[in-house]
Amino acid sequence: MKLVKRLPKLLTKHFQVVILADTAFGSVEFLHGIRKLKYHAITGLAINRKLVYTRILGRLHKQGQQVRLVGLKFPVTVSWYYLKRDKGKRRIAFCFVH
């Protein structure tokens, strides 16, 4: 968050800021911080991340759904893609914070 807060005011005042972050930055604290700064973010998420209604992210079937993750006070939009690996495909999930 220190780096994000140091973005030049000239830039953030005149442009819509979208932060692209790795799965390591998908924490509740980071997502709340981005939301508090009124920025948008696209971050990776762990497939086993819990939703508030006792399911996990990996069980979703429809992309583009707005869901509530445990610990967040606001909904996020989720999607995913499949990354090709030597031993099959690996599902990678990401969320959009608006």
PDB file of N, CA and C in Angstrom:
ATOM      1  N   MET A   1       0.822  -1.181   0.000  1.00  0.00           N
ATOM      2  CA  MET A   1       0.000   0.000   0.000  1.00  0.00           C
ATOM      3  C   MET A   1       0.875   1.258   0.000  1.00  0.00           C
ATOM      4  N   LYS A   2       2.063   1.164   0.577  1.00  0.00           N
ATOM      5  CA  LYS A   2       2.944   2.333   0.602  1.00  0.00           C
ATOM      6  C   LYS A   2       3.249   2.804  -0.815  1.00  0.00           C
ATOM      7  N   LEU A   3       3.529   1.860  -1.694  1.00  0.00           N
ATOM      8  CA  LEU A   3       3.851   2.195  -3.080  1.00  0.00           C
ATOM      9  C   LEU A   3       2.639   2.792  -3.797  1.00  0.00           C
ATOM     10  N   VAL A   4       1.482   2.221  -3.592  1.00  0.00           N
ATOM     11  CA  VAL A   4       0.257   2.718  -4.227  1.00  0.00           C
ATOM     12  C   VAL A   4      -0.051   4.134  -3.748  1.00  0.00           C
ATOM     13  N   LYS A   5       0.127   4.392  -2.465  1.00  0.00           N
ATOM     14  CA  LYS A   5      -0.144   5.721  -1.911  1.00  0.00           C
ATOM     15  C   LYS A   5       0.827   6.780  -2.421  1.00  0.00           C
ATOM     16  N   ARG A   6       1.965   6.342  -2.939  1.00  0.00           N
ATOM     17  CA  ARG A   6       2.967   7.286  -3.446  1.00  0.00           C
ATOM     18  C   ARG A   6       2.795   7.621  -4.924  1.00  0.00           C
ATOM     19  N   LEU A   7       1.737   7.135  -5.542  1.00  0.00           N
ATOM     20  CA  LEU A   7       1.491   7.496  -6.942  1.00  0.00           C
ATOM     21  C   LEU A   7       1.341   9.011  -7.052  1.00  0.00           C
ATOM     22  N   PRO A   8       1.875   9.612  -8.107  1.00  0.00           N
ATOM     23  CA  PRO A   8       1.801  11.067  -8.246  1.00  0.00           C
ATOM     24  C   PRO A   8       0.355  11.570  -8.298  1.00  0.00           C
ATOM     25  N   LYS A   9       0.081  12.613  -7.544  1.00  0.00           N
ATOM     26  CA  LYS A   9      -1.273  13.184  -7.496  1.00  0.00           C
ATOM     27  C   LYS A   9      -1.717  13.682  -8.871  1.00  0.00           C
ATOM     28  N   LEU A  10      -0.789  14.190  -9.658  1.00  0.00           N
ATOM     29  CA  LEU A  10      -1.123  14.650 -11.009  1.00  0.00           C
ATOM     30  C   LEU A  10      -1.695  13.499 -11.842  1.00  0.00           C
ATOM     31  N   LEU A  11      -1.128  12.324 -11.664  1.00  0.00           N
ATOM     32  CA  LEU A  11      -1.592  11.137 -12.376  1.00  0.00           C
ATOM     33  C   LEU A  11      -2.953  10.674 -11.863  1.00  0.00           C
ATOM     34  N   THR A  12      -3.079  10.549 -10.545  1.00  0.00           N
ATOM     35  CA  THR A  12      -4.309  10.006  -9.967  1.00  0.00           C
ATOM     36  C   THR A  12      -5.484  10.979 -10.053  1.00  0.00           C
ATOM     37  N   LYS A  13      -5.201  12.260 -10.174  1.00  0.00           N
ATOM     38  CA  LYS A  13      -6.257  13.261 -10.272  1.00  0.00           C
ATOM     39  C   LYS A  13      -6.898  13.280 -11.659  1.00  0.00           C
ATOM     40  N   HIS A  14      -6.105  13.011 -12.693  1.00  0.00           N
ATOM     41  CA  HIS A  14      -6.583  13.145 -14.068  1.00  0.00           C
ATOM     42  C   HIS A  14      -6.918  11.830 -14.763  1.00  0.00           C
ATOM     43  N   PHE A  15      -6.537  10.708 -14.168  1.00  0.00           N
ATOM     44  CA  PHE A  15      -6.766   9.415 -14.799  1.00  0.00           C
ATOM     45  C   PHE A  15      -7.407   8.443 -13.817  1.00  0.00           C
ATOM     46  N   GLN A  16      -8.154   7.514 -14.367  1.00  0.00           N
ATOM     47  CA  GLN A  16      -8.725   6.447 -13.545  1.00  0.00           C
ATOM     48  C   GLN A  16      -7.614   5.429 -13.280  1.00  0.00           C
ATOM     49  N   VAL A  17      -7.328   5.170 -12.038  1.00  0.00           N
ATOM     50  CA  VAL A  17      -6.222   4.291 -11.660  1.00  0.00           C
ATOM     51  C   VAL A  17      -6.730   2.862 -11.503  1.00  0.00           C
ATOM     52  N   VAL A  18      -6.044   1.930 -12.166  1.00  0.00           N
ATOM     53  CA  VAL A  18      -6.332   0.509 -12.018  1.00  0.00           C
ATOM     54  C   VAL A  18      -5.031  -0.173 -11.603  1.00  0.00           C
ATOM     55  N   ILE A  19      -5.057  -0.817 -10.468  1.00  0.00           N
ATOM     56  CA  ILE A  19      -3.885  -1.501  -9.936  1.00  0.00           C
ATOM     57  C   ILE A  19      -3.956  -2.970 -10.359  1.00  0.00           C
ATOM     58  N   LEU A  20      -2.909  -3.463 -10.996  1.00  0.00           N
ATOM     59  CA  LEU A  20      -2.806  -4.870 -11.377  1.00  0.00           C
ATOM     60  C   LEU A  20      -1.848  -5.526 -10.398  1.00  0.00           C
ATOM     61  N   ALA A  21      -2.333  -6.541  -9.683  1.00  0.00           N
ATOM     62  CA  ALA A  21      -1.515  -7.134  -8.623  1.00  0.00           C
ATOM     63  C   ALA A  21      -1.561  -8.660  -8.664  1.00  0.00           C
ATOM     64  N   ASP A  22      -0.507  -9.251  -8.189  1.00  0.00           N
ATOM     65  CA  ASP A  22      -0.339 -10.689  -8.086  1.00  0.00           C
ATOM     66  C   ASP A  22      -1.244 -11.244  -6.976  1.00  0.00           C
ATOM     67  N   THR A  23      -1.386 -12.548  -6.941  1.00  0.00           N
ATOM     68  CA  THR A  23      -2.202 -13.219  -5.929  1.00  0.00           C
ATOM     69  C   THR A  23      -1.738 -12.888  -4.509  1.00  0.00           C
ATOM     70  N   ALA A  24      -0.459 -12.643  -4.329  1.00  0.00           N
ATOM     71  CA  ALA A  24       0.050 -12.301  -3.001  1.00  0.00           C
ATOM     72  C   ALA A  24      -0.568 -11.008  -2.465  1.00  0.00           C
ATOM     73  N   PHE A  25      -1.116 -10.178  -3.340  1.00  0.00           N
ATOM     74  CA  PHE A  25      -1.735  -8.918  -2.934  1.00  0.00           C
ATOM     75  C   PHE A  25      -3.256  -9.021  -2.859  1.00  0.00           C
ATOM     76  N   GLY A  26      -3.791 -10.206  -2.836  1.00  0.00           N
ATOM     77  CA  GLY A  26      -5.237 -10.403  -2.763  1.00  0.00           C
ATOM     78  C   GLY A  26      -5.761 -10.421  -1.343  1.00  0.00           C
ATOM     79  N   SER A  27      -4.994  -9.894  -0.401  1.00  0.00           N
ATOM     80  CA  SER A  27      -5.417  -9.921   0.999  1.00  0.00           C
ATOM     81  C   SER A  27      -6.567  -8.956   1.244  1.00  0.00           C
ATOM     82  N   VAL A  28      -7.284  -9.206   2.325  1.00  0.00           N
ATOM     83  CA  VAL A  28      -8.396  -8.347   2.725  1.00  0.00           C
ATOM     84  C   VAL A  28      -7.895  -6.922   2.959  1.00  0.00           C
ATOM     85  N   GLU A  29      -6.760  -6.785   3.626  1.00  0.00           N
ATOM     86  CA  GLU A  29      -6.216  -5.463   3.934  1.00  0.00           C
ATOM     87  C   GLU A  29      -5.899  -4.688   2.659  1.00  0.00           C
ATOM     88  N   PHE A  30      -5.262  -5.356   1.695  1.00  0.00           N
ATOM     89  CA  PHE A  30      -4.899  -4.687   0.443  1.00  0.00           C
ATOM     90  C   PHE A  30      -6.146  -4.261  -0.330  1.00  0.00           C
ATOM     91  N   LEU A  31      -7.110  -5.157  -0.452  1.00  0.00           N
ATOM     92  CA  LEU A  31      -8.329  -4.835  -1.209  1.00  0.00           C
ATOM     93  C   LEU A  31      -9.118  -3.712  -0.538  1.00  0.00           C
ATOM     94  N   HIS A  32      -9.182  -3.719   0.800  1.00  0.00           N
ATOM     95  CA  HIS A  32      -9.842  -2.613   1.500  1.00  0.00           C
ATOM     96  C   HIS A  32      -9.089  -1.301   1.284  1.00  0.00           C
ATOM     97  N   GLY A  33      -7.760  -1.360   1.284  1.00  0.00           N
ATOM     98  CA  GLY A  33      -6.946  -0.158   1.064  1.00  0.00           C
ATOM     99  C   GLY A  33      -7.158   0.429  -0.322  1.00  0.00           C
ATOM    100  N   ILE A  34      -7.213  -0.426  -1.327  1.00  0.00           N
ATOM    101  CA  ILE A  34      -7.461   0.035  -2.698  1.00  0.00           C
ATOM    102  C   ILE A  34      -8.827   0.691  -2.793  1.00  0.00           C
ATOM    103  N   ARG A  35      -9.810   0.067  -2.193  1.00  0.00           N
ATOM    104  CA  ARG A  35     -11.174   0.598  -2.203  1.00  0.00           C
ATOM    105  C   ARG A  35     -11.251   1.947  -1.478  1.00  0.00           C
ATOM    106  N   LYS A  36     -10.537   2.054  -0.362  1.00  0.00           N
ATOM    107  CA  LYS A  36     -10.535   3.296   0.411  1.00  0.00           C
ATOM    108  C   LYS A  36      -9.923   4.446  -0.400  1.00  0.00           C
ATOM    109  N   LEU A  37      -8.920   4.137  -1.205  1.00  0.00           N
ATOM    110  CA  LEU A  37      -8.291   5.154  -2.053  1.00  0.00           C
ATOM    111  C   LEU A  37      -9.121   5.467  -3.302  1.00  0.00           C
ATOM    112  N   LYS A  38     -10.214   4.733  -3.494  1.00  0.00           N
ATOM    113  CA  LYS A  38     -11.118   4.902  -4.650  1.00  0.00           C
ATOM    114  C   LYS A  38     -10.432   4.548  -5.972  1.00  0.00           C
ATOM    115  N   TYR A  39      -9.538   3.572  -5.912  1.00  0.00           N
ATOM    116  CA  TYR A  39      -8.905   3.037  -7.107  1.00  0.00           C
ATOM    117  C   TYR A  39      -9.619   1.738  -7.477  1.00  0.00           C
ATOM    118  N   HIS A  40      -9.320   1.249  -8.648  1.00  0.00           N
ATOM    119  CA  HIS A  40      -9.807  -0.047  -9.087  1.00  0.00           C
ATOM    120  C   HIS A  40      -8.620  -1.011  -9.056  1.00  0.00           C
ATOM    121  N   ALA A  41      -8.899  -2.305  -8.941  1.00  0.00           N
ATOM    122  CA  ALA A  41      -7.813  -3.284  -8.907  1.00  0.00           C
ATOM    123  C   ALA A  41      -8.226  -4.572  -9.595  1.00  0.00           C
ATOM    124  N   ILE A  42      -7.236  -5.220 -10.163  1.00  0.00           N
ATOM    125  CA  ILE A  42      -7.372  -6.584 -10.674  1.00  0.00           C
ATOM    126  C   ILE A  42      -6.292  -7.372  -9.964  1.00  0.00           C
ATOM    127  N   THR A  43      -6.703  -8.327  -9.142  1.00  0.00           N
ATOM    128  CA  THR A  43      -5.736  -9.121  -8.382  1.00  0.00           C
ATOM    129  C   THR A  43      -6.024 -10.600  -8.539  1.00  0.00           C
ATOM    130  N   GLY A  44      -5.002 -11.386  -8.394  1.00  0.00           N
ATOM    131  CA  GLY A  44      -5.179 -12.825  -8.376  1.00  0.00           C
ATOM    132  C   GLY A  44      -5.808 -13.252  -7.062  1.00  0.00           C
ATOM    133  N   LEU A  45      -6.460 -14.391  -7.089  1.00  0.00           N
ATOM    134  CA  LEU A  45      -7.073 -14.954  -5.884  1.00  0.00           C
ATOM    135  C   LEU A  45      -6.789 -16.442  -5.825  1.00  0.00           C
ATOM    136  N   ALA A  46      -6.682 -16.954  -4.631  1.00  0.00           N
ATOM    137  CA  ALA A  46      -6.541 -18.397  -4.453  1.00  0.00           C
ATOM    138  C   ALA A  46      -7.883 -19.064  -4.743  1.00  0.00           C
ATOM    139  N   ILE A  47      -7.862 -20.186  -5.421  1.00  0.00           N
ATOM    140  CA  ILE A  47      -9.087 -20.906  -5.769  1.00  0.00           C
ATOM    141  C   ILE A  47      -9.836 -21.364  -4.518  1.00  0.00           C
ATOM    142  N   ASN A  48      -9.119 -21.574  -3.420  1.00  0.00           N
ATOM    143  CA  ASN A  48      -9.777 -22.045  -2.197  1.00  0.00           C
ATOM    144  C   ASN A  48     -10.252 -20.896  -1.302  1.00  0.00           C
ATOM    145  N   ARG A  49     -10.262 -19.678  -1.820  1.00  0.00           N
ATOM    146  CA  ARG A  49     -10.759 -18.522  -1.064  1.00  0.00           C
ATOM    147  C   ARG A  49     -12.237 -18.711  -0.766  1.00  0.00           C
ATOM    148  N   LYS A  50     -12.641 -18.434   0.466  1.00  0.00           N
ATOM    149  CA  LYS A  50     -14.024 -18.685   0.883  1.00  0.00           C
ATOM    150  C   LYS A  50     -14.949 -17.522   0.553  1.00  0.00           C
ATOM    151  N   LEU A  51     -16.151 -17.884   0.136  1.00  0.00           N
ATOM    152  CA  LEU A  51     -17.215 -16.920  -0.082  1.00  0.00           C
ATOM    153  C   LEU A  51     -18.069 -16.871   1.173  1.00  0.00           C
ATOM    154  N   VAL A  52     -18.817 -15.784   1.371  1.00  0.00           N
ATOM    155  CA  VAL A  52     -19.584 -15.641   2.610  1.00  0.00           C
ATOM    156  C   VAL A  52     -20.697 -16.664   2.738  1.00  0.00           C
ATOM    157  N   TYR A  53     -21.147 -17.242   1.664  1.00  0.00           N
ATOM    158  CA  TYR A  53     -22.222 -18.226   1.756  1.00  0.00           C
ATOM    159  C   TYR A  53     -21.690 -19.654   1.667  1.00  0.00           C
ATOM    160  N   THR A  54     -20.631 -19.929   2.408  1.00  0.00           N
ATOM    161  CA  THR A  54     -20.048 -21.253   2.667  1.00  0.00           C
ATOM    162  C   THR A  54     -19.577 -22.031   1.448  1.00  0.00           C
ATOM    163  N   ARG A  55     -19.299 -21.368   0.376  1.00  0.00           N
ATOM    164  CA  ARG A  55     -18.705 -22.037  -0.782  1.00  0.00           C
ATOM    165  C   ARG A  55     -17.288 -21.519  -0.950  1.00  0.00           C
ATOM    166  N   ILE A  56     -16.554 -22.148  -1.854  1.00  0.00           N
ATOM    167  CA  ILE A  56     -15.226 -21.634  -2.178  1.00  0.00           C
ATOM    168  C   ILE A  56     -15.239 -21.124  -3.615  1.00  0.00           C
ATOM    169  N   LEU A  57     -14.303 -20.273  -3.910  1.00  0.00           N
ATOM    170  CA  LEU A  57     -14.219 -19.634  -5.224  1.00  0.00           C
ATOM    171  C   LEU A  57     -14.118 -20.660  -6.352  1.00  0.00           C
ATOM    172  N   GLY A  58     -13.395 -21.727  -6.125  1.00  0.00           N
ATOM    173  CA  GLY A  58     -13.202 -22.745  -7.151  1.00  0.00           C
ATOM    174  C   GLY A  58     -14.464 -23.484  -7.561  1.00  0.00           C
ATOM    175  N   ARG A  59     -15.527 -23.369  -6.808  1.00  0.00           N
ATOM    176  CA  ARG A  59     -16.789 -24.046  -7.115  1.00  0.00           C
ATOM    177  C   ARG A  59     -17.731 -23.212  -7.983  1.00  0.00           C
ATOM    178  N   LEU A  60     -17.346 -21.979  -8.270  1.00  0.00           N
ATOM    179  CA  LEU A  60     -18.198 -21.146  -9.120  1.00  0.00           C
ATOM    180  C   LEU A  60     -18.180 -21.670 -10.552  1.00  0.00           C
ATOM    181  N   HIS A  61     -19.297 -21.544 -11.227  1.00  0.00           N
ATOM    182  CA  HIS A  61     -19.396 -22.042 -12.599  1.00  0.00           C
ATOM    183  C   HIS A  61     -19.544 -20.922 -13.620  1.00  0.00           C
ATOM    184  N   LYS A  62     -19.995 -19.770 -13.183  1.00  0.00           N
ATOM    185  CA  LYS A  62     -20.277 -18.673 -14.097  1.00  0.00           C
ATOM    186  C   LYS A  62     -19.271 -17.545 -13.886  1.00  0.00           C
ATOM    187  N   GLN A  63     -18.570 -17.165 -14.932  1.00  0.00           N
ATOM    188  CA  GLN A  63     -17.621 -16.062 -14.848  1.00  0.00           C
ATOM    189  C   GLN A  63     -18.363 -14.732 -14.849  1.00  0.00           C
ATOM    190  N   GLY A  64     -17.747 -13.731 -14.270  1.00  0.00           N
ATOM    191  CA  GLY A  64     -18.343 -12.408 -14.240  1.00  0.00           C
ATOM    192  C   GLY A  64     -19.328 -12.198 -13.107  1.00  0.00           C
ATOM    193  N   GLN A  65     -19.420 -13.156 -12.193  1.00  0.00           N
ATOM    194  CA  GLN A  65     -20.334 -13.023 -11.058  1.00  0.00           C
ATOM    195  C   GLN A  65     -19.784 -12.039 -10.038  1.00  0.00           C
ATOM    196  N   GLN A  66     -20.681 -11.331  -9.407  1.00  0.00           N
ATOM    197  CA  GLN A  66     -20.287 -10.535  -8.252  1.00  0.00           C
ATOM    198  C   GLN A  66     -20.494 -11.411  -7.029  1.00  0.00           C
ATOM    199  N   VAL A  67     -19.446 -11.543  -6.232  1.00  0.00           N
ATOM    200  CA  VAL A  67     -19.509 -12.383  -5.040  1.00  0.00           C
ATOM    201  C   VAL A  67     -18.961 -11.613  -3.850  1.00  0.00           C
ATOM    202  N   ARG A  68     -19.268 -12.116  -2.682  1.00  0.00           N
ATOM    203  CA  ARG A  68     -18.723 -11.535  -1.446  1.00  0.00           C
ATOM    204  C   ARG A  68     -17.744 -12.535  -0.849  1.00  0.00           C
ATOM    205  N   LEU A  69     -16.515 -12.097  -0.700  1.00  0.00           N
ATOM    206  CA  LEU A  69     -15.482 -12.922  -0.098  1.00  0.00           C
ATOM    207  C   LEU A  69     -15.485 -12.712   1.410  1.00  0.00           C
ATOM    208  N   VAL A  70     -15.145 -13.751   2.149  1.00  0.00           N
ATOM    209  CA  VAL A  70     -15.068 -13.648   3.604  1.00  0.00           C
ATOM    210  C   VAL A  70     -14.071 -12.545   3.966  1.00  0.00           C
ATOM    211  N   GLY A  71     -14.492 -11.645   4.831  1.00  0.00           N
ATOM    212  CA  GLY A  71     -13.628 -10.565   5.295  1.00  0.00           C
ATOM    213  C   GLY A  71     -13.774  -9.255   4.549  1.00  0.00           C
ATOM    214  N   LEU A  72     -14.387  -9.275   3.368  1.00  0.00           N
ATOM    215  CA  LEU A  72     -14.573  -8.040   2.609  1.00  0.00           C
ATOM    216  C   LEU A  72     -15.952  -7.456   2.868  1.00  0.00           C
ATOM    217  N   LYS A  73     -16.020  -6.139   2.901  1.00  0.00           N
ATOM    218  CA  LYS A  73     -17.286  -5.457   3.153  1.00  0.00           C
ATOM    219  C   LYS A  73     -18.004  -5.086   1.864  1.00  0.00           C
ATOM    220  N   PHE A  74     -17.456  -5.458   0.736  1.00  0.00           N
ATOM    221  CA  PHE A  74     -18.029  -5.097  -0.561  1.00  0.00           C
ATOM    222  C   PHE A  74     -17.887  -6.272  -1.526  1.00  0.00           C
ATOM    223  N   PRO A  75     -18.725  -6.335  -2.546  1.00  0.00           N
ATOM    224  CA  PRO A  75     -18.614  -7.435  -3.516  1.00  0.00           C
ATOM    225  C   PRO A  75     -17.482  -7.186  -4.507  1.00  0.00           C
ATOM    226  N   VAL A  76     -16.970  -8.256  -5.073  1.00  0.00           N
ATOM    227  CA  VAL A  76     -15.985  -8.183  -6.148  1.00  0.00           C
ATOM    228  C   VAL A  76     -16.494  -9.023  -7.317  1.00  0.00           C
ATOM    229  N   THR A  77     -16.050  -8.697  -8.494  1.00  0.00           N
ATOM    230  CA  THR A  77     -16.402  -9.467  -9.681  1.00  0.00           C
ATOM    231  C   THR A  77     -15.274 -10.456  -9.944  1.00  0.00           C
ATOM    232  N   VAL A  78     -15.608 -11.712 -10.174  1.00  0.00           N
ATOM    233  CA  VAL A  78     -14.575 -12.731 -10.377  1.00  0.00           C
ATOM    234  C   VAL A  78     -14.645 -13.326 -11.781  1.00  0.00           C
ATOM    235  N   SER A  79     -13.486 -13.764 -12.210  1.00  0.00           N
ATOM    236  CA  SER A  79     -13.362 -14.471 -13.472  1.00  0.00           C
ATOM    237  C   SER A  79     -12.143 -15.373 -13.347  1.00  0.00           C
ATOM    238  N   TRP A  80     -11.816 -16.112 -14.367  1.00  0.00           N
ATOM    239  CA  TRP A  80     -10.657 -16.997 -14.322  1.00  0.00           C
ATOM    240  C   TRP A  80     -10.247 -17.379 -15.728  1.00  0.00           C
ATOM    241  N   TYR A  81      -9.091 -17.976 -15.814  1.00  0.00           N
ATOM    242  CA  TYR A  81      -8.613 -18.551 -17.064  1.00  0.00           C
ATOM    243  C   TYR A  81      -7.836 -19.804 -16.727  1.00  0.00           C
ATOM    244  N   TYR A  82      -7.566 -20.594 -17.732  1.00  0.00           N
ATOM    245  CA  TYR A  82      -6.828 -21.837 -17.532  1.00  0.00           C
ATOM    246  C   TYR A  82      -5.434 -21.671 -18.125  1.00  0.00           C
ATOM    247  N   LEU A  83      -4.438 -21.910 -17.296  1.00  0.00           N
ATOM    248  CA  LEU A  83      -3.053 -21.807 -17.684  1.00  0.00           C
ATOM    249  C   LEU A  83      -2.559 -23.195 -18.069  1.00  0.00           C
ATOM    250  N   LYS A  84      -2.025 -23.335 -19.267  1.00  0.00           N
ATOM    251  CA  LYS A  84      -1.528 -24.637 -19.709  1.00  0.00           C
ATOM    252  C   LYS A  84      -0.217 -24.960 -19.011  1.00  0.00           C
ATOM    253  N   ARG A  85      -0.142 -26.155 -18.479  1.00  0.00           N
ATOM    254  CA  ARG A  85       1.054 -26.668 -17.812  1.00  0.00           C
ATOM    255  C   ARG A  85       1.421 -27.998 -18.444  1.00  0.00           C
ATOM    256  N   ASP A  86       2.604 -28.527 -18.110  1.00  0.00           N
ATOM    257  CA  ASP A  86       3.058 -29.814 -18.637  1.00  0.00           C
ATOM    258  C   ASP A  86       2.115 -30.945 -18.251  1.00  0.00           C
ATOM    259  N   LYS A  87       1.563 -30.864 -17.055  1.00  0.00           N
ATOM    260  CA  LYS A  87       0.704 -31.948 -16.562  1.00  0.00           C
ATOM    261  C   LYS A  87      -0.760 -31.521 -16.554  1.00  0.00           C
ATOM    262  N   GLY A  88      -1.213 -30.891 -17.593  1.00  0.00           N
ATOM    263  CA  GLY A  88      -2.615 -30.482 -17.676  1.00  0.00           C
ATOM    264  C   GLY A  88      -2.793 -28.992 -17.514  1.00  0.00           C
ATOM    265  N   LYS A  89      -4.030 -28.594 -17.227  1.00  0.00           N
ATOM    266  CA  LYS A  89      -4.361 -27.183 -17.088  1.00  0.00           C
ATOM    267  C   LYS A  89      -4.459 -26.800 -15.614  1.00  0.00           C
ATOM    268  N   ARG A  90      -4.147 -25.566 -15.333  1.00  0.00           N
ATOM    269  CA  ARG A  90      -4.270 -25.035 -13.974  1.00  0.00           C
ATOM    270  C   ARG A  90      -5.192 -23.833 -14.026  1.00  0.00           C
ATOM    271  N   ARG A  91      -6.176 -23.814 -13.150  1.00  0.00           N
ATOM    272  CA  ARG A  91      -7.148 -22.728 -13.126  1.00  0.00           C
ATOM    273  C   ARG A  91      -6.624 -21.569 -12.285  1.00  0.00           C
ATOM    274  N   ILE A  92      -6.624 -20.382 -12.863  1.00  0.00           N
ATOM    275  CA  ILE A  92      -6.163 -19.173 -12.188  1.00  0.00           C
ATOM    276  C   ILE A  92      -7.358 -18.233 -12.065  1.00  0.00           C
ATOM    277  N   ALA A  93      -7.667 -17.800 -10.846  1.00  0.00           N
ATOM    278  CA  ALA A  93      -8.798 -16.897 -10.616  1.00  0.00           C
ATOM    279  C   ALA A  93      -8.282 -15.483 -10.341  1.00  0.00           C
ATOM    280  N   PHE A  94      -9.084 -14.512 -10.714  1.00  0.00           N
ATOM    281  CA  PHE A  94      -8.757 -13.132 -10.383  1.00  0.00           C
ATOM    282  C   PHE A  94     -10.035 -12.368 -10.111  1.00  0.00           C
ATOM    283  N   CYS A  95      -9.885 -11.255  -9.411  1.00  0.00           N
ATOM    284  CA  CYS A  95     -11.067 -10.461  -9.074  1.00  0.00           C
ATOM    285  C   CYS A  95     -10.878  -9.027  -9.517  1.00  0.00           C
ATOM    286  N   PHE A  96     -11.992  -8.358  -9.713  1.00  0.00           N
ATOM    287  CA  PHE A  96     -12.010  -6.951 -10.063  1.00  0.00           C
ATOM    288  C   PHE A  96     -12.623  -6.198  -8.891  1.00  0.00           C
ATOM    289  N   VAL A  97     -11.922  -5.233  -8.388  1.00  0.00           N
ATOM    290  CA  VAL A  97     -12.431  -4.381  -7.323  1.00  0.00           C
ATOM    291  C   VAL A  97     -12.822  -3.072  -7.971  1.00  0.00           C
ATOM    292  N   HIS A  98     -14.079  -2.670  -7.853  1.00  0.00           N
ATOM    293  CA  HIS A  98     -14.513  -1.422  -8.458  1.00  0.00           C
ATOM    294  C   HIS A  98     -14.790  -0.419  -7.384  1.00  0.00           C
TER     295      HIS A  98
END
